[in-house]
Every structure is written in structure tokens, then in C-alpha cells.
Amino acid sequence: MSDEAREALARLVVDVADFPEPGIVFKDITPLLADPSGFAAVVAALAAAGRDADGAVVVDKVVGMEARGFIFAAPVAMALGVGFVPVRKAGKLPRATHGVSYALEYGEATLELHEDAIAAGDRVLVIDDVLATGGTVAATVQLIERCGGSATAAAMLMELSFLPGRAAIGGLPLTALMVV
């Protein structure tokens, strides 16, 4: 990760105590999003997960999960010169979809992906804002595989190291710009 991205994260991700409830320290990324040079540096750092050691692009698509994943995945796809594919909550996509349900702390959620969004053999970079329990990433990988593609790496703005996200995504290579 570049020094510019590291500095932007340190300067522009703001801790908010007791939000959304007492005892929680929320990491507010809105100042980062409002800073064009900081946001650009972070997008470049995330996009590095879709390049090889020589800088060549090694993915065909970038997938971002609803909703904050969209904020990062779309510009990462543009930086790599590949397509962006949204993964949405159930019922939000207008055409035929694949769906995967997964467990949440309280209940269940379902994610969907258009059946034709990923071509057989596509190499896919998965982007989201936070890796927590890993359920969203694991479900997204299943969706990519149902289309015939393969998730080759994941890149996150931040990882919550006190939660089991890495274990839930198995051997998928992970880049986390911040580890909390």
C-alpha cells in the first residue's frame, strides 16, 4: 500500500465513540469519501489486488456488495479497466438471478447476482468496505462460482480482526488496507 493511501486512512477515517450504541467505536469513512486525493489513493491501493507483481491486470471483473461495497468497487473496476458487477440484496435486480442465503448474527440474509453477470472462466476481484464475520464475502464467492467464474482475491478497506472473517473466506487471498 502506498504511503499516500496509508496517510489518507489515518487522517480521514474518523472514530466515533458510542455509535450506533454505547461501547462501539464506529469507523466513519465519509471524510475519506469527501477527499478526492485520499479517496483516489485508497482506490488505487484496493485495485492493486487485481494486478500482478508487474502491474498487469489479472482479473476480468470486479464485484462489489450492496451497499458500501459499490462505493469502492466501481472506481476500482474503472482503475483496472474491467467491468463492475453489483451483488444486491434479494429482490433488487430486475432479471434472472442466482441467490445465496447466509446466516447473520440475528437471522438470515440473501444476496443475488444476475445470472449473466459473470462469464464462465472470469477471474473476479471481490471488493467491500469491511470484512467482519465473512458471511457476505463467502456468499458472494458462491454466487461468482454459480456463474462459472472464480474469485481470485478480495480487497477490503478494513478488516475487523476480532471477528472470524478470514476464517470464513478460507484461502481466498485478502488485502485489508486497515486492520482494526
C-alpha atoms as a PDB file:
ATOM      1  CA  MET A   1       0.000   0.000   0.000  1.00  0.00           C
ATOM      2  CA  SER A   2       1.271   3.452  -0.859  1.00  0.00           C
ATOM      3  CA  ASP A   3       2.262   5.964   1.780  1.00  0.00           C
ATOM      4  CA  GLU A   4      -0.437   8.257   0.369  1.00  0.00           C
ATOM      5  CA  ALA A   5      -3.159   5.659   0.981  1.00  0.00           C
ATOM      6  CA  ARG A   6      -1.828   4.873   4.458  1.00  0.00           C
ATOM      7  CA  GLU A   7      -1.765   8.573   5.351  1.00  0.00           C
ATOM      8  CA  ALA A   8      -5.264   9.139   3.940  1.00  0.00           C
ATOM      9  CA  LEU A   9      -6.694   6.310   6.018  1.00  0.00           C
ATOM     10  CA  ALA A  10      -5.013   7.558   9.194  1.00  0.00           C
ATOM     11  CA  ARG A  11      -6.159  11.130   8.613  1.00  0.00           C
ATOM     12  CA  LEU A  12      -9.619  10.637   7.132  1.00  0.00           C
ATOM     13  CA  VAL A  13     -11.192   7.601   8.849  1.00  0.00           C
ATOM     14  CA  VAL A  14     -12.686   9.076  11.996  1.00  0.00           C
ATOM     15  CA  ASP A  15     -13.503   7.173  15.186  1.00  0.00           C
ATOM     16  CA  VAL A  16     -16.974   7.920  16.547  1.00  0.00           C
ATOM     17  CA  ALA A  17     -17.438   6.683  20.098  1.00  0.00           C
ATOM     18  CA  ASP A  18     -20.668   5.026  21.211  1.00  0.00           C
ATOM     19  CA  PHE A  19     -22.201   4.745  17.737  1.00  0.00           C
ATOM     20  CA  PRO A  20     -24.545   3.101  16.929  1.00  0.00           C
ATOM     21  CA  GLU A  21     -24.732   2.033  20.571  1.00  0.00           C
ATOM     22  CA  PRO A  22     -22.712   2.513  23.768  1.00  0.00           C
ATOM     23  CA  GLY A  23     -19.360   0.736  23.779  1.00  0.00           C
ATOM     24  CA  ILE A  24     -18.995   0.641  19.979  1.00  0.00           C
ATOM     25  CA  VAL A  25     -16.310   2.696  18.228  1.00  0.00           C
ATOM     26  CA  PHE A  26     -17.615   3.311  14.709  1.00  0.00           C
ATOM     27  CA  LYS A  27     -15.118   3.919  11.889  1.00  0.00           C
ATOM     28  CA  ASP A  28     -16.639   6.762   9.823  1.00  0.00           C
ATOM     29  CA  ILE A  29     -15.368   6.708   6.222  1.00  0.00           C
ATOM     30  CA  THR A  30     -17.366   9.695   4.982  1.00  0.00           C
ATOM     31  CA  PRO A  31     -14.435  12.141   5.388  1.00  0.00           C
ATOM     32  CA  LEU A  32     -12.329   9.786   3.212  1.00  0.00           C
ATOM     33  CA  LEU A  33     -15.023   9.723   0.528  1.00  0.00           C
ATOM     34  CA  ALA A  34     -15.186  13.528   0.543  1.00  0.00           C
ATOM     35  CA  ASP A  35     -11.439  13.906  -0.021  1.00  0.00           C
ATOM     36  CA  PRO A  36     -10.651  13.324  -3.728  1.00  0.00           C
ATOM     37  CA  SER A  37      -6.927  12.673  -3.333  1.00  0.00           C
ATOM     38  CA  GLY A  38      -7.375  10.407  -0.316  1.00  0.00           C
ATOM     39  CA  PHE A  39     -10.203   8.503  -1.985  1.00  0.00           C
ATOM     40  CA  ALA A  40      -8.131   8.112  -5.173  1.00  0.00           C
ATOM     41  CA  ALA A  41      -5.177   6.770  -3.173  1.00  0.00           C
ATOM     42  CA  VAL A  42      -7.383   4.209  -1.432  1.00  0.00           C
ATOM     43  CA  VAL A  43      -8.988   3.133  -4.725  1.00  0.00           C
ATOM     44  CA  ALA A  44      -5.506   2.626  -6.212  1.00  0.00           C
ATOM     45  CA  ALA A  45      -4.473   0.564  -3.183  1.00  0.00           C
ATOM     46  CA  LEU A  46      -7.569  -1.640  -3.479  1.00  0.00           C
ATOM     47  CA  ALA A  47      -7.045  -2.004  -7.246  1.00  0.00           C
ATOM     48  CA  ALA A  48      -3.539  -3.361  -6.604  1.00  0.00           C
ATOM     49  CA  ALA A  49      -5.219  -6.627  -5.521  1.00  0.00           C
ATOM     50  CA  GLY A  50      -6.316  -7.047  -9.158  1.00  0.00           C
ATOM     51  CA  ARG A  51      -2.793  -6.701 -10.574  1.00  0.00           C
ATOM     52  CA  ASP A  52       0.233  -8.982 -10.619  1.00  0.00           C
ATOM     53  CA  ALA A  53       3.719  -8.045  -9.405  1.00  0.00           C
ATOM     54  CA  ASP A  54       4.456  -6.372 -12.761  1.00  0.00           C
ATOM     55  CA  GLY A  55       1.271  -4.276 -12.609  1.00  0.00           C
ATOM     56  CA  ALA A  56      -0.646  -6.243 -15.257  1.00  0.00           C
ATOM     57  CA  VAL A  57      -4.380  -6.619 -14.654  1.00  0.00           C
ATOM     58  CA  VAL A  58      -5.186 -10.229 -13.706  1.00  0.00           C
ATOM     59  CA  VAL A  59      -8.970 -10.015 -13.262  1.00  0.00           C
ATOM     60  CA  ASP A  60     -11.856  -9.767 -15.705  1.00  0.00           C
ATOM     61  CA  LYS A  61     -14.491  -8.305 -13.367  1.00  0.00           C
ATOM     62  CA  VAL A  62     -14.793  -6.526 -10.044  1.00  0.00           C
ATOM     63  CA  VAL A  63     -17.728  -7.401  -7.791  1.00  0.00           C
ATOM     64  CA  GLY A  64     -18.984  -5.078  -5.064  1.00  0.00           C
ATOM     65  CA  MET A  65     -21.593  -5.886  -2.462  1.00  0.00           C
ATOM     66  CA  GLU A  66     -24.515  -3.685  -1.525  1.00  0.00           C
ATOM     67  CA  ALA A  67     -24.258  -1.015  -0.470  1.00  0.00           C
ATOM     68  CA  ARG A  68     -20.947   0.444   0.641  1.00  0.00           C
ATOM     69  CA  GLY A  69     -19.017  -2.048  -1.457  1.00  0.00           C
ATOM     70  CA  PHE A  70     -20.413  -0.267  -4.529  1.00  0.00           C
ATOM     71  CA  ILE A  71     -18.653   2.955  -3.454  1.00  0.00           C
ATOM     72  CA  PHE A  72     -15.253   1.279  -3.725  1.00  0.00           C
ATOM     73  CA  ALA A  73     -15.786  -1.453  -6.316  1.00  0.00           C
ATOM     74  CA  ALA A  74     -16.980   0.738  -9.185  1.00  0.00           C
ATOM     75  CA  PRO A  75     -13.916   3.035  -9.184  1.00  0.00           C
ATOM     76  CA  VAL A  76     -11.617   0.023  -8.660  1.00  0.00           C
ATOM     77  CA  ALA A  77     -13.130  -1.572 -11.775  1.00  0.00           C
ATOM     78  CA  MET A  78     -12.542   1.645 -13.712  1.00  0.00           C
ATOM     79  CA  ALA A  79      -8.936   1.822 -12.466  1.00  0.00           C
ATOM     80  CA  LEU A  80      -8.379  -1.740 -13.705  1.00  0.00           C
ATOM     81  CA  GLY A  81     -10.232  -1.228 -16.981  1.00  0.00           C
ATOM     82  CA  VAL A  82     -12.670  -4.085 -16.295  1.00  0.00           C
ATOM     83  CA  GLY A  83     -16.403  -4.376 -15.664  1.00  0.00           C
ATOM     84  CA  PHE A  84     -18.130  -3.722 -12.349  1.00  0.00           C
ATOM     85  CA  VAL A  85     -20.787  -6.196 -11.172  1.00  0.00           C
ATOM     86  CA  PRO A  86     -23.149  -5.373  -8.289  1.00  0.00           C
ATOM     87  CA  VAL A  87     -24.212  -8.009  -5.776  1.00  0.00           C
ATOM     88  CA  ARG A  88     -27.546  -6.914  -4.333  1.00  0.00           C
ATOM     89  CA  LYS A  89     -29.958  -7.797  -1.590  1.00  0.00           C
ATOM     90  CA  ALA A  90     -32.787 -10.106  -2.637  1.00  0.00           C
ATOM     91  CA  GLY A  91     -35.368  -8.629  -4.983  1.00  0.00           C
ATOM     92  CA  LYS A  92     -33.294  -5.635  -6.151  1.00  0.00           C
ATOM     93  CA  LEU A  93     -32.089  -6.943  -9.525  1.00  0.00           C
ATOM     94  CA  PRO A  94     -34.533  -6.882 -12.468  1.00  0.00           C
ATOM     95  CA  ARG A  95     -33.506 -10.005 -14.423  1.00  0.00           C
ATOM     96  CA  ALA A  96     -32.840 -13.692 -13.687  1.00  0.00           C
ATOM     97  CA  THR A  97     -30.514 -14.102 -10.713  1.00  0.00           C
ATOM     98  CA  HIS A  98     -28.587 -16.595  -8.676  1.00  0.00           C
ATOM     99  CA  GLY A  99     -29.208 -16.236  -4.938  1.00  0.00           C
ATOM    100  CA  VAL A 100     -27.366 -17.342  -1.817  1.00  0.00           C
ATOM    101  CA  SER A 101     -28.705 -17.097   1.714  1.00  0.00           C
ATOM    102  CA  TYR A 102     -26.366 -16.903   4.674  1.00  0.00           C
ATOM    103  CA  ALA A 103     -26.581 -16.537   8.437  1.00  0.00           C
ATOM    104  CA  LEU A 104     -26.396 -13.204  10.192  1.00  0.00           C
ATOM    105  CA  GLU A 105     -25.954 -12.686  13.923  1.00  0.00           C
ATOM    106  CA  TYR A 106     -29.752 -12.492  14.209  1.00  0.00           C
ATOM    107  CA  GLY A 107     -31.472 -14.086  11.241  1.00  0.00           C
ATOM    108  CA  GLU A 108     -30.557 -14.613   7.625  1.00  0.00           C
ATOM    109  CA  ALA A 109     -29.856 -12.527   4.518  1.00  0.00           C
ATOM    110  CA  THR A 110     -29.907 -13.321   0.824  1.00  0.00           C
ATOM    111  CA  LEU A 111     -27.636 -11.857  -1.841  1.00  0.00           C
ATOM    112  CA  GLU A 112     -28.270 -12.037  -5.572  1.00  0.00           C
ATOM    113  CA  LEU A 113     -26.271 -11.660  -8.769  1.00  0.00           C
ATOM    114  CA  HIS A 114     -27.565 -11.559 -12.344  1.00  0.00           C
ATOM    115  CA  GLU A 115     -27.070 -15.000 -13.895  1.00  0.00           C
ATOM    116  CA  ASP A 116     -25.225 -13.495 -16.874  1.00  0.00           C
ATOM    117  CA  ALA A 117     -23.091 -11.012 -14.916  1.00  0.00           C
ATOM    118  CA  ILE A 118     -20.032 -13.253 -14.737  1.00  0.00           C
ATOM    119  CA  ALA A 119     -18.953 -15.369 -17.716  1.00  0.00           C
ATOM    120  CA  ALA A 120     -17.578 -18.884 -17.359  1.00  0.00           C
ATOM    121  CA  GLY A 121     -13.868 -18.589 -16.642  1.00  0.00           C
ATOM    122  CA  ASP A 122     -13.979 -14.954 -15.487  1.00  0.00           C
ATOM    123  CA  ARG A 123     -11.467 -14.095 -12.785  1.00  0.00           C
ATOM    124  CA  VAL A 124     -13.134 -11.860 -10.214  1.00  0.00           C
ATOM    125  CA  LEU A 125     -11.869  -9.438  -7.581  1.00  0.00           C
ATOM    126  CA  VAL A 126     -14.276  -9.053  -4.648  1.00  0.00           C
ATOM    127  CA  ILE A 127     -14.397  -5.586  -3.057  1.00  0.00           C
ATOM    128  CA  ASP A 128     -16.196  -4.418   0.086  1.00  0.00           C
ATOM    129  CA  ASP A 129     -15.738  -1.816   2.768  1.00  0.00           C
ATOM    130  CA  VAL A 130     -15.423  -4.077   5.832  1.00  0.00           C
ATOM    131  CA  LEU A 131     -14.595  -7.726   6.442  1.00  0.00           C
ATOM    132  CA  ALA A 132     -16.330  -8.718   9.667  1.00  0.00           C
ATOM    133  CA  THR A 133     -17.741 -12.249  10.005  1.00  0.00           C
ATOM    134  CA  GLY A 134     -17.025 -13.056   6.350  1.00  0.00           C
ATOM    135  CA  GLY A 135     -20.562 -14.206   5.561  1.00  0.00           C
ATOM    136  CA  THR A 136     -21.132 -11.620   2.848  1.00  0.00           C
ATOM    137  CA  VAL A 137     -17.842 -12.410   1.112  1.00  0.00           C
ATOM    138  CA  ALA A 138     -18.393 -16.176   1.357  1.00  0.00           C
ATOM    139  CA  ALA A 139     -21.902 -15.819  -0.128  1.00  0.00           C
ATOM    140  CA  THR A 140     -20.549 -13.597  -2.907  1.00  0.00           C
ATOM    141  CA  VAL A 141     -17.879 -16.161  -3.785  1.00  0.00           C
ATOM    142  CA  GLN A 142     -20.623 -18.802  -4.077  1.00  0.00           C
ATOM    143  CA  LEU A 143     -22.570 -16.523  -6.445  1.00  0.00           C
ATOM    144  CA  ILE A 144     -19.488 -15.985  -8.623  1.00  0.00           C
ATOM    145  CA  GLU A 145     -18.894 -19.730  -8.773  1.00  0.00           C
ATOM    146  CA  ARG A 146     -22.541 -20.410  -9.723  1.00  0.00           C
ATOM    147  CA  CYS A 147     -21.971 -18.217 -12.775  1.00  0.00           C
ATOM    148  CA  GLY A 148     -18.867 -20.220 -13.685  1.00  0.00           C
ATOM    149  CA  GLY A 149     -16.337 -17.608 -12.586  1.00  0.00           C
ATOM    150  CA  SER A 150     -13.720 -17.763  -9.871  1.00  0.00           C
ATOM    151  CA  ALA A 151     -12.990 -15.297  -7.114  1.00  0.00           C
ATOM    152  CA  THR A 152      -9.236 -14.765  -7.263  1.00  0.00           C
ATOM    153  CA  ALA A 153      -8.855 -12.238  -4.433  1.00  0.00           C
ATOM    154  CA  ALA A 154     -10.720  -9.947  -2.062  1.00  0.00           C
ATOM    155  CA  ALA A 155      -9.792  -6.416  -1.071  1.00  0.00           C
ATOM    156  CA  MET A 156     -11.380  -4.523   1.801  1.00  0.00           C
ATOM    157  CA  LEU A 157     -10.995  -1.048   3.159  1.00  0.00           C
ATOM    158  CA  MET A 158     -10.825  -2.507   6.663  1.00  0.00           C
ATOM    159  CA  GLU A 159     -10.841  -5.811   8.482  1.00  0.00           C
ATOM    160  CA  LEU A 160     -12.252  -6.285  11.968  1.00  0.00           C
ATOM    161  CA  SER A 161      -9.599  -8.659  13.297  1.00  0.00           C
ATOM    162  CA  PHE A 162     -11.610  -9.563  16.409  1.00  0.00           C
ATOM    163  CA  LEU A 163     -14.219 -11.272  14.196  1.00  0.00           C
ATOM    164  CA  PRO A 164     -13.749 -14.521  12.210  1.00  0.00           C
ATOM    165  CA  GLY A 165     -13.836 -13.033   8.694  1.00  0.00           C
ATOM    166  CA  ARG A 166     -10.557 -14.519   7.478  1.00  0.00           C
ATOM    167  CA  ALA A 167     -11.553 -17.996   8.609  1.00  0.00           C
ATOM    168  CA  ALA A 168     -14.920 -17.710   6.836  1.00  0.00           C
ATOM    169  CA  ILE A 169     -13.340 -16.889   3.461  1.00  0.00           C
ATOM    170  CA  GLY A 170     -10.853 -19.759   3.596  1.00  0.00           C
ATOM    171  CA  GLY A 171      -7.871 -19.491   1.276  1.00  0.00           C
ATOM    172  CA  LEU A 172      -9.148 -16.528  -0.745  1.00  0.00           C
ATOM    173  CA  PRO A 173      -6.238 -14.044  -0.851  1.00  0.00           C
ATOM    174  CA  LEU A 174      -7.213 -10.956   1.154  1.00  0.00           C
ATOM    175  CA  THR A 175      -5.930  -7.402   1.106  1.00  0.00           C
ATOM    176  CA  ALA A 176      -7.138  -5.264   4.004  1.00  0.00           C
ATOM    177  CA  LEU A 177      -5.960  -1.642   3.981  1.00  0.00           C
ATOM    178  CA  MET A 178      -6.746  -1.168   7.679  1.00  0.00           C
ATOM    179  CA  VAL A 179      -6.881  -3.827  10.366  1.00  0.00           C
ATOM    180  CA  VAL A 180      -8.863  -2.890  13.459  1.00  0.00           C
END
